[in-house]
Amino acid sequence: MSKFSSLSPKQKAMLLMVITAMMWSIGGIFIKLISWHPLMISGARGIVSASVLGGYMVYKKIPYKLCKESAGAAIGLAASATFFVIANKLTTAANAIVLQYSAPIFILLITAIILKRALSRREIIVVGITMIGIVLFFLDQLSPGNILGNFFGILAGVFLALMFVSMGEGGDDDSIRMSGIFMAHALTAVIGLPIGLYFTMTAANAAGTGSVNGLGIAPIEIVYVLILGIFQLGIPYVLYAIASKDCPPLACSLIGMLEPLFNPVWVAIFVGELPGMFALIGAVIIIATVTWWCISDARE
């Protein structure tokens, strides 16, 4: 504890960002282990994480602010979180997380198309290389489910980009940032729980067992959802809010890359799921390209 207190504010923030990214990375394991419909997982996780974030806002006296920036961030993050869970159920965890982390490329496209900002030659090259990496994901495991899961992974990246763009338009206002994140998780609960519960019960009735996909909703699955809501989303977003004040944006971006690196590792160890060779090559291309772009953009 004394060593932590001796660190500079920037060093403390970077350490908190490392903890945040590692906590984010456990999502794939528990999503794979829960037998519920993906919308029900997303909604249940959302209501738990929204409770944590709402409690933090009350404790820190951060005012709730509804504006176009916080609303845009909420819609983007809610859709991204939901599509990410669906992608995890349909394709490999590696595909889902890396495709979601292609968000910076979609940020460039959104700013070019919606905000009418011309892309530089370097940015066009970055987008092109990343798109090649994305295509490689579709050369592996060509079953309809995996292909559909890859599309949901891309959608998760597109909407995550929308969240980042909206946050950027809101400036450094903590109330806009935290309000957007809080509303996002509340929105996933409001939409995901009723729809997910319907599909879950429909599957149970079709199985004739009164259970989910022929399996009972085991108490351990409720524990998994609590872990997702508290330790994979709620607390990490609180730590991110604290870290982002002193951790430079480039450091946050690069440290955040620990999530797509470790998420598939945990899933491989605890679930036994391995990505295909083309997907691995695509992942290396995307992560390396996005990392290079973050560094070169910061230098410029």
Protein backbone atom coordinates (compact mmCIF):
# COMPACT_ATOMS: atom_id res chain seq x y z
CA MET A 1 0.00 0.00 0.00
CA SER A 2 2.89 2.35 0.79
CA LYS A 3 4.38 1.66 -2.65
CA PHE A 4 1.08 2.65 -4.30
CA SER A 5 0.89 5.90 -2.33
CA SER A 6 4.44 6.78 -3.43
CA LEU A 7 3.45 6.65 -7.10
CA SER A 8 2.76 9.82 -9.06
CA PRO A 9 -0.87 10.59 -10.08
CA LYS A 10 -0.07 9.52 -13.66
CA GLN A 11 1.47 6.22 -12.51
CA LYS A 12 -1.51 5.50 -10.25
CA ALA A 13 -3.89 6.24 -13.11
CA MET A 14 -2.01 3.92 -15.47
CA LEU A 15 -2.03 1.15 -12.86
CA LEU A 16 -5.79 1.61 -12.41
CA MET A 17 -6.16 1.41 -16.20
CA VAL A 18 -4.28 -1.91 -16.24
CA ILE A 19 -6.64 -3.27 -13.56
CA THR A 20 -9.60 -1.94 -15.55
CA ALA A 21 -8.54 -3.63 -18.79
CA MET A 22 -7.86 -6.94 -17.04
CA MET A 23 -11.30 -6.85 -15.38
CA TRP A 24 -12.93 -6.07 -18.72
CA SER A 25 -11.15 -9.11 -20.21
CA ILE A 26 -13.04 -11.67 -18.09
CA GLY A 27 -16.32 -11.05 -19.93
CA GLY A 28 -15.92 -13.80 -22.53
CA ILE A 29 -15.52 -16.57 -19.94
CA PHE A 30 -18.75 -15.97 -18.07
CA ILE A 31 -20.84 -15.15 -21.15
CA LYS A 32 -19.82 -18.55 -22.53
CA LEU A 33 -20.66 -20.32 -19.24
CA ILE A 34 -24.18 -18.87 -18.87
CA SER A 35 -26.88 -20.80 -20.74
CA TRP A 36 -29.41 -17.94 -20.94
CA HIS A 37 -30.49 -16.09 -24.07
CA PRO A 38 -27.87 -13.40 -24.89
CA LEU A 39 -30.36 -10.55 -24.42
CA MET A 40 -31.20 -11.83 -20.95
CA ILE A 41 -27.49 -12.03 -20.08
CA SER A 42 -26.97 -8.49 -21.39
CA GLY A 43 -30.02 -7.15 -19.53
CA ALA A 44 -29.22 -8.85 -16.22
CA ARG A 45 -25.60 -7.74 -16.42
CA GLY A 46 -26.77 -4.22 -17.28
CA ILE A 47 -29.06 -3.79 -14.27
CA VAL A 48 -26.26 -4.86 -11.90
CA SER A 49 -23.64 -2.60 -13.48
CA ALA A 50 -26.09 0.33 -13.65
CA SER A 51 -26.65 -0.04 -9.90
CA VAL A 52 -22.90 0.15 -9.26
CA LEU A 53 -22.45 3.17 -11.55
CA GLY A 54 -25.52 4.94 -10.17
CA GLY A 55 -24.25 4.42 -6.61
CA TYR A 56 -20.86 5.84 -7.59
CA MET A 57 -22.48 8.93 -9.13
CA VAL A 58 -24.52 9.53 -5.97
CA TYR A 59 -21.46 9.00 -3.74
CA LYS A 60 -19.29 11.39 -5.78
CA LYS A 61 -22.22 13.80 -6.27
CA ILE A 62 -21.85 13.69 -10.05
CA PRO A 63 -25.00 15.30 -11.50
CA TYR A 64 -27.09 13.38 -14.00
CA LYS A 65 -27.10 15.17 -17.35
CA LEU A 66 -29.32 14.25 -20.30
CA CYS A 67 -28.19 15.87 -23.56
CA LYS A 68 -27.56 14.77 -27.13
CA GLU A 69 -23.96 13.82 -26.27
CA SER A 70 -24.83 11.65 -23.26
CA ALA A 71 -27.82 10.15 -25.11
CA GLY A 72 -25.66 9.32 -28.14
CA ALA A 73 -23.04 7.74 -25.89
CA ALA A 74 -25.73 5.74 -24.09
CA ILE A 75 -27.25 4.38 -27.30
CA GLY A 76 -23.82 3.53 -28.71
CA LEU A 77 -22.53 1.75 -25.61
CA ALA A 78 -25.83 -0.06 -24.95
CA ALA A 79 -25.98 -1.41 -28.50
CA SER A 80 -22.28 -2.33 -28.45
CA ALA A 81 -22.58 -4.20 -25.15
CA THR A 82 -25.67 -6.10 -26.37
CA PHE A 83 -24.19 -7.02 -29.74
CA PHE A 84 -20.97 -8.11 -28.02
CA VAL A 85 -22.86 -10.64 -25.88
CA ILE A 86 -24.75 -11.94 -28.94
CA ALA A 87 -21.47 -12.26 -30.88
CA ASN A 88 -19.90 -14.22 -28.01
CA LYS A 89 -22.73 -16.73 -28.19
CA LEU A 90 -22.50 -17.18 -31.96
CA THR A 91 -18.78 -17.05 -32.68
CA THR A 92 -15.53 -17.37 -30.74
CA ALA A 93 -14.71 -14.96 -27.92
CA ALA A 94 -11.56 -13.95 -29.83
CA ASN A 95 -13.57 -12.95 -32.89
CA ALA A 96 -16.13 -11.03 -30.81
CA ILE A 97 -13.64 -8.96 -28.80
CA VAL A 98 -11.18 -8.17 -31.60
CA LEU A 99 -13.96 -7.15 -34.01
CA GLN A 100 -15.39 -4.91 -31.29
CA TYR A 101 -11.94 -3.37 -30.82
CA SER A 102 -11.91 -2.33 -34.48
CA ALA A 103 -13.97 0.63 -33.19
CA PRO A 104 -11.20 3.23 -33.82
CA ILE A 105 -11.45 2.50 -37.55
CA PHE A 106 -15.19 3.08 -37.48
CA ILE A 107 -14.54 6.32 -35.58
CA LEU A 108 -12.59 7.50 -38.61
CA LEU A 109 -15.44 6.48 -40.95
CA ILE A 110 -18.11 8.11 -38.76
CA THR A 111 -16.22 11.38 -38.54
CA ALA A 112 -15.69 11.31 -42.30
CA ILE A 113 -19.30 10.46 -43.23
CA ILE A 114 -21.32 12.20 -40.51
CA LEU A 115 -19.01 14.99 -39.36
CA LYS A 116 -17.76 15.62 -42.93
CA ARG A 117 -14.07 15.48 -42.02
CA ALA A 118 -11.77 14.34 -44.82
CA LEU A 119 -9.54 11.37 -44.04
CA SER A 120 -5.80 11.75 -44.41
CA ARG A 121 -3.81 9.38 -46.59
CA ARG A 122 -2.48 7.61 -43.48
CA GLU A 123 -6.00 7.15 -42.10
CA ILE A 124 -7.21 5.69 -45.40
CA ILE A 125 -4.33 3.19 -45.30
CA VAL A 126 -5.17 2.27 -41.68
CA VAL A 127 -8.83 1.69 -42.58
CA GLY A 128 -7.85 -0.44 -45.59
CA ILE A 129 -5.41 -2.64 -43.64
CA THR A 130 -7.93 -3.13 -40.82
CA MET A 131 -10.64 -4.11 -43.28
CA ILE A 132 -8.30 -6.80 -44.63
CA GLY A 133 -7.92 -8.10 -41.07
CA ILE A 134 -11.70 -8.13 -40.62
CA VAL A 135 -12.18 -10.09 -43.86
CA LEU A 136 -9.83 -12.80 -42.56
CA PHE A 137 -12.26 -13.51 -39.71
CA PHE A 138 -14.82 -14.60 -42.29
CA LEU A 139 -12.46 -17.20 -43.77
CA ASP A 140 -12.56 -19.28 -40.58
CA GLN A 141 -15.35 -21.65 -39.45
CA LEU A 142 -17.74 -20.78 -42.27
CA SER A 143 -20.92 -21.93 -40.52
CA PRO A 144 -23.95 -19.60 -40.61
CA GLY A 145 -23.73 -19.07 -36.83
CA ASN A 146 -20.09 -18.02 -36.88
CA ILE A 147 -20.58 -15.68 -39.83
CA LEU A 148 -23.59 -14.07 -38.13
CA GLY A 149 -21.59 -13.79 -34.90
CA ASN A 150 -18.81 -12.00 -36.78
CA PHE A 151 -21.33 -9.49 -38.15
CA PHE A 152 -22.59 -8.82 -34.62
CA GLY A 153 -18.97 -8.34 -33.53
CA ILE A 154 -18.52 -5.71 -36.25
CA LEU A 155 -21.78 -4.02 -35.18
CA ALA A 156 -20.43 -3.93 -31.62
CA GLY A 157 -17.40 -2.07 -32.96
CA VAL A 158 -19.52 0.36 -35.00
CA PHE A 159 -21.69 1.31 -32.03
CA LEU A 160 -18.69 1.50 -29.69
CA ALA A 161 -17.29 4.03 -32.16
CA LEU A 162 -20.55 5.99 -31.91
CA MET A 163 -20.10 6.06 -28.14
CA PHE A 164 -16.54 7.39 -28.42
CA VAL A 165 -17.55 10.07 -30.94
CA SER A 166 -20.44 11.20 -28.70
CA MET A 167 -18.17 11.27 -25.65
CA GLY A 168 -15.66 13.33 -27.60
CA GLU A 169 -18.35 15.84 -28.55
CA GLY A 170 -19.15 16.18 -24.84
CA GLY A 171 -15.62 17.32 -23.99
CA ASP A 172 -14.18 16.73 -20.51
CA ASP A 173 -17.51 17.03 -18.70
CA ASP A 174 -17.57 14.16 -16.15
CA SER A 175 -21.35 14.42 -15.76
CA ILE A 176 -21.89 13.83 -19.50
CA ARG A 177 -19.44 10.92 -19.55
CA MET A 178 -20.81 9.17 -16.47
CA SER A 179 -24.45 9.90 -17.36
CA GLY A 180 -23.91 8.34 -20.78
CA ILE A 181 -22.30 5.21 -19.32
CA PHE A 182 -24.98 4.89 -16.63
CA MET A 183 -27.82 5.30 -19.13
CA ALA A 184 -26.20 2.75 -21.44
CA HIS A 185 -26.24 -0.01 -18.83
CA ALA A 186 -29.75 0.93 -17.69
CA LEU A 187 -30.89 0.81 -21.32
CA THR A 188 -29.48 -2.68 -21.85
CA ALA A 189 -31.48 -3.79 -18.80
CA VAL A 190 -34.72 -2.13 -19.90
CA ILE A 191 -34.53 -3.63 -23.41
CA GLY A 192 -32.67 -6.86 -22.77
CA LEU A 193 -34.44 -8.27 -19.71
CA PRO A 194 -38.05 -8.46 -21.00
CA ILE A 195 -37.10 -9.60 -24.51
CA GLY A 196 -34.44 -11.98 -23.25
CA LEU A 197 -36.78 -13.43 -20.64
CA TYR A 198 -39.42 -14.07 -23.32
CA PHE A 199 -36.98 -15.95 -25.57
CA THR A 200 -35.53 -17.79 -22.58
CA MET A 201 -38.94 -18.99 -21.44
CA THR A 202 -39.93 -19.84 -25.02
CA ALA A 203 -36.86 -22.05 -25.31
CA ALA A 204 -37.66 -23.65 -21.95
CA ASN A 205 -41.26 -24.39 -22.94
CA ALA A 206 -40.15 -25.78 -26.29
CA ALA A 207 -37.79 -28.11 -24.46
CA GLY A 208 -40.67 -29.16 -22.22
CA THR A 209 -38.50 -28.93 -19.16
CA GLY A 210 -39.34 -25.53 -17.72
CA SER A 211 -35.65 -24.74 -17.92
CA VAL A 212 -33.32 -22.78 -20.15
CA ASN A 213 -32.24 -24.78 -23.21
CA GLY A 214 -32.89 -27.98 -21.27
CA LEU A 215 -30.69 -26.78 -18.39
CA GLY A 216 -31.96 -25.32 -15.14
CA ILE A 217 -31.05 -21.74 -14.29
CA ALA A 218 -28.41 -22.84 -11.83
CA PRO A 219 -27.52 -20.61 -8.88
CA ILE A 220 -23.95 -20.49 -10.20
CA GLU A 221 -25.25 -18.72 -13.33
CA ILE A 222 -26.70 -15.98 -11.16
CA VAL A 223 -23.28 -15.67 -9.52
CA TYR A 224 -21.72 -15.39 -12.99
CA VAL A 225 -24.10 -12.55 -13.91
CA LEU A 226 -23.25 -10.73 -10.66
CA ILE A 227 -19.55 -11.10 -11.49
CA LEU A 228 -20.19 -9.67 -14.96
CA GLY A 229 -22.23 -6.75 -13.65
CA ILE A 230 -20.00 -5.84 -10.70
CA PHE A 231 -16.46 -6.88 -11.61
CA GLN A 232 -16.49 -6.90 -15.42
CA LEU A 233 -18.48 -3.69 -16.01
CA GLY A 234 -19.50 -1.76 -12.90
CA ILE A 235 -16.23 -1.39 -10.98
CA PRO A 236 -14.03 -1.19 -14.12
CA TYR A 237 -16.02 1.76 -15.48
CA VAL A 238 -15.69 3.52 -12.13
CA LEU A 239 -11.93 2.89 -12.23
CA TYR A 240 -11.83 4.08 -15.84
CA ALA A 241 -13.58 7.32 -14.85
CA ILE A 242 -10.95 7.87 -12.16
CA ALA A 243 -7.97 6.82 -14.30
CA SER A 244 -8.93 8.85 -17.38
CA LYS A 245 -8.38 12.11 -15.46
CA ASP A 246 -4.62 11.53 -15.11
CA CYS A 247 -3.88 8.77 -17.63
CA PRO A 248 -3.11 10.23 -21.09
CA PRO A 249 -5.59 9.19 -23.84
CA LEU A 250 -2.85 7.31 -25.72
CA ALA A 251 -1.92 5.33 -22.60
CA CYS A 252 -5.60 4.55 -21.94
CA SER A 253 -5.99 3.30 -25.52
CA LEU A 254 -2.86 1.14 -25.48
CA ILE A 255 -3.44 -0.27 -21.99
CA GLY A 256 -7.03 -0.99 -23.00
CA MET A 257 -5.61 -3.32 -25.67
CA LEU A 258 -4.93 -5.78 -22.83
CA GLU A 259 -8.63 -6.71 -23.05
CA PRO A 260 -8.62 -8.17 -26.60
CA LEU A 261 -5.28 -9.82 -25.85
CA PHE A 262 -6.30 -11.57 -22.62
CA ASN A 263 -10.02 -12.21 -23.24
CA PRO A 264 -9.35 -15.12 -25.67
CA VAL A 265 -6.60 -16.42 -23.38
CA TRP A 266 -8.97 -16.77 -20.40
CA VAL A 267 -11.61 -18.40 -22.62
CA ALA A 268 -9.05 -20.85 -24.01
CA ILE A 269 -7.88 -21.77 -20.50
CA PHE A 270 -11.26 -22.06 -18.76
CA VAL A 271 -13.62 -22.97 -21.63
CA GLY A 272 -11.24 -24.65 -24.08
CA GLU A 273 -12.30 -22.53 -27.07
CA LEU A 274 -9.59 -21.70 -29.61
CA PRO A 275 -9.84 -19.28 -32.56
CA GLY A 276 -8.97 -20.42 -36.09
CA MET A 277 -5.69 -19.63 -37.87
CA PHE A 278 -7.17 -16.99 -40.19
CA ALA A 279 -8.86 -15.32 -37.21
CA LEU A 280 -5.55 -15.22 -35.34
CA ILE A 281 -3.84 -13.58 -38.32
CA GLY A 282 -6.72 -11.10 -38.62
CA ALA A 283 -6.50 -10.33 -34.89
CA VAL A 284 -2.77 -9.59 -35.13
CA ILE A 285 -3.36 -7.29 -38.12
CA ILE A 286 -6.20 -5.37 -36.42
CA ILE A 287 -4.53 -4.99 -33.01
CA ALA A 288 -1.17 -4.02 -34.53
CA THR A 289 -2.77 -1.52 -36.94
CA VAL A 290 -4.97 0.11 -34.31
CA THR A 291 -2.01 0.32 -31.90
CA TRP A 292 0.20 1.91 -34.57
CA TRP A 293 -2.53 4.39 -35.49
CA CYS A 294 -3.05 5.40 -31.83
CA ILE A 295 0.69 6.04 -31.39
CA SER A 296 1.18 7.91 -34.67
CA ASP A 297 -1.98 9.97 -34.14
CA ALA A 298 -0.81 11.00 -30.66
CA ARG A 299 2.63 11.99 -32.01
CA GLU A 300 1.01 14.14 -34.70
